[in-house]
Structures are given as C-alpha cells and as structure tokens.
Amino acid sequence: MVNQWKWVNQFQPQTLYMATILCYVDAVFGLLFGFVATSVLAGLITIAALAAGGFGIANEKKWGYAVAVGGAILQVVMLFAVYGVGVLTSLAVISFLFDAALVALLLHPMSREYQRIWFK
C-alpha cells in the first residue's frame, strides 16, 4: 500500500514548495533553539501552526494554507512585540528576514492562486 500523505510536494509552484520547507525548518529550529515570543504558549502555538501548516500545504489542504499563513504572521508579530523596531538593528534581523520571506512566499500571488484553485 502506498502512503497517501506527503511531507513535501515538489509538483506545487516553487513558492509553495519553498514555503513548506521553510515552515518545517522554522518549526524545528523553534523547538531546538527556542523561539521569540511574548509567552511560552504563543511560541508553542506558532511552532505547532508552522509544522501543521507545512504538512497541510504539502497535502493540498485549504486549512493547511490558512494555518501556515497564521503561524507565519504570528511569528513576525511576536518578533516585533519583543524587539519593537529594534529587531531591524539587532541580531534578530536574521530571524526576521527568514520569517518575512516565509510570509512573502505564502502570500505571493502564485501561491494564493494555486491554493485557491487546487486545494481541497
């Protein structure tokens, strides 16, 4: 029997494929090295949203896309909540750049159009 679940889907547009991988990477790094958040609960919700969202996107689920977008935006909001605009002048700028890239990949017109047409 073939496994019907996918972890990544290389047949999706490049923007969604890279967003899926970045969701997983952000979730794993958040677990291994900690996360920037206003509370532990917010950090754990963000990690769970990114991991579940990446899995949902790989399996072309509308809920997965919505959860990934929510988790990615929450991650950027948490960075600004903790550092303020100082995030742009601190070492956290590297984290901010990856988080902003994830939001950009997810909200790219190609990603939005593909998920609108093909996701179930």
Protein backbone atom coordinates (compact mmCIF):
# COMPACT_ATOMS: atom_id res chain seq x y z
CA MET A 1 0.00 0.00 0.00
CA VAL A 2 1.32 3.42 -0.92
CA ASN A 3 1.39 6.11 1.72
CA GLN A 4 -1.09 8.83 0.75
CA TRP A 5 0.41 11.53 2.98
CA LYS A 6 3.26 13.73 1.76
CA TRP A 7 5.76 15.82 3.70
CA VAL A 8 6.65 17.95 0.67
CA ASN A 9 5.05 18.23 -2.75
CA GLN A 10 7.56 19.09 -5.46
CA PHE A 11 4.74 19.39 -8.02
CA GLN A 12 3.42 22.58 -6.42
CA PRO A 13 4.66 26.01 -7.51
CA GLN A 14 8.13 26.84 -6.29
CA THR A 15 6.75 29.45 -3.87
CA LEU A 16 4.59 26.89 -2.05
CA TYR A 17 7.28 24.22 -2.16
CA MET A 18 9.82 26.54 -0.52
CA ALA A 19 7.20 27.81 1.96
CA THR A 20 6.51 24.23 3.03
CA ILE A 21 10.20 23.59 3.66
CA LEU A 22 10.59 26.91 5.49
CA CYS A 23 7.59 26.08 7.71
CA TYR A 24 9.26 22.83 8.75
CA VAL A 25 12.67 24.48 9.26
CA ASP A 26 11.18 27.28 11.39
CA ALA A 27 9.25 24.76 13.49
CA VAL A 28 12.30 22.54 14.08
CA PHE A 29 14.58 25.48 14.88
CA GLY A 30 11.94 26.83 17.24
CA LEU A 31 11.91 23.53 19.12
CA LEU A 32 15.68 23.07 19.16
CA PHE A 33 16.91 26.59 19.78
CA GLY A 34 13.94 28.36 21.30
CA PHE A 35 11.64 30.95 19.89
CA VAL A 36 10.98 34.66 20.25
CA ALA A 37 7.54 35.15 21.75
CA THR A 38 5.71 37.09 24.41
CA SER A 39 4.78 33.84 26.18
CA VAL A 40 5.60 30.15 26.07
CA LEU A 41 2.06 29.38 24.90
CA ALA A 42 2.32 31.80 21.97
CA GLY A 43 5.64 30.24 20.98
CA LEU A 44 4.26 26.71 21.10
CA ILE A 45 1.19 27.73 19.12
CA THR A 46 3.44 29.27 16.48
CA ILE A 47 5.60 26.15 16.24
CA ALA A 48 2.56 23.87 16.01
CA ALA A 49 0.93 26.12 13.39
CA LEU A 50 4.04 26.13 11.21
CA ALA A 51 4.50 22.36 11.40
CA ALA A 52 0.82 21.57 10.80
CA GLY A 53 0.57 24.23 8.11
CA GLY A 54 3.55 22.84 6.22
CA PHE A 55 2.05 19.36 6.33
CA GLY A 56 -1.34 20.69 5.21
CA ILE A 57 0.18 22.61 2.31
CA ALA A 58 2.13 19.55 1.16
CA ASN A 59 -1.15 17.62 1.10
CA GLU A 60 -3.04 20.46 -0.63
CA LYS A 61 -5.45 21.26 2.20
CA LYS A 62 -7.04 24.71 2.49
CA TRP A 63 -6.81 24.52 6.29
CA GLY A 64 -3.07 23.88 5.99
CA TYR A 65 -2.55 27.03 3.96
CA ALA A 66 -4.61 29.11 6.41
CA VAL A 67 -2.78 27.70 9.44
CA ALA A 68 0.63 28.28 7.84
CA VAL A 69 -0.22 31.89 6.97
CA GLY A 70 -1.50 32.48 10.51
CA GLY A 71 1.60 30.92 12.07
CA ALA A 72 3.97 32.85 9.82
CA ILE A 73 2.27 36.17 10.53
CA LEU A 74 2.14 35.40 14.26
CA GLN A 75 5.87 34.72 14.18
CA VAL A 76 6.60 38.14 12.65
CA VAL A 77 4.22 39.85 15.10
CA MET A 78 5.98 38.16 18.04
CA LEU A 79 9.37 39.42 16.85
CA PHE A 80 8.07 42.99 16.75
CA ALA A 81 6.27 42.55 20.08
CA VAL A 82 9.51 41.52 21.79
CA TYR A 83 12.05 43.73 19.99
CA GLY A 84 9.95 46.53 18.51
CA VAL A 85 11.57 48.25 15.57
CA GLY A 86 14.88 47.38 17.21
CA VAL A 87 14.54 43.99 15.50
CA LEU A 88 15.99 45.65 12.41
CA THR A 89 19.20 46.66 14.22
CA SER A 90 19.79 43.56 16.37
CA LEU A 91 20.93 40.02 15.62
CA ALA A 92 17.25 39.08 15.45
CA VAL A 93 17.19 40.66 12.00
CA ILE A 94 18.29 37.31 10.55
CA SER A 95 15.27 35.61 12.08
CA PHE A 96 13.08 38.46 10.87
CA LEU A 97 14.35 38.06 7.30
CA PHE A 98 13.50 34.34 7.24
CA ASP A 99 10.10 34.94 8.82
CA ALA A 100 9.31 37.74 6.39
CA ALA A 101 10.43 35.54 3.49
CA LEU A 102 8.02 32.83 4.64
CA VAL A 103 5.13 35.32 4.77
CA ALA A 104 6.09 36.61 1.31
CA LEU A 105 6.23 33.08 -0.14
CA LEU A 106 2.85 32.18 1.31
CA LEU A 107 1.14 35.41 0.23
CA HIS A 108 2.75 35.50 -3.22
CA PRO A 109 0.08 35.69 -5.96
CA MET A 110 1.25 32.37 -7.43
CA SER A 111 0.80 30.61 -4.06
CA ARG A 112 -2.58 32.21 -3.40
CA GLU A 113 -3.88 31.38 -6.86
CA TYR A 114 -2.68 27.77 -6.75
CA GLN A 115 -4.22 27.10 -3.35
CA ARG A 116 -7.47 28.79 -4.36
CA ILE A 117 -7.83 26.54 -7.42
CA TRP A 118 -6.31 23.21 -6.36
CA PHE A 119 -6.53 22.88 -2.58
CA LYS A 120 -9.44 20.96 -1.09
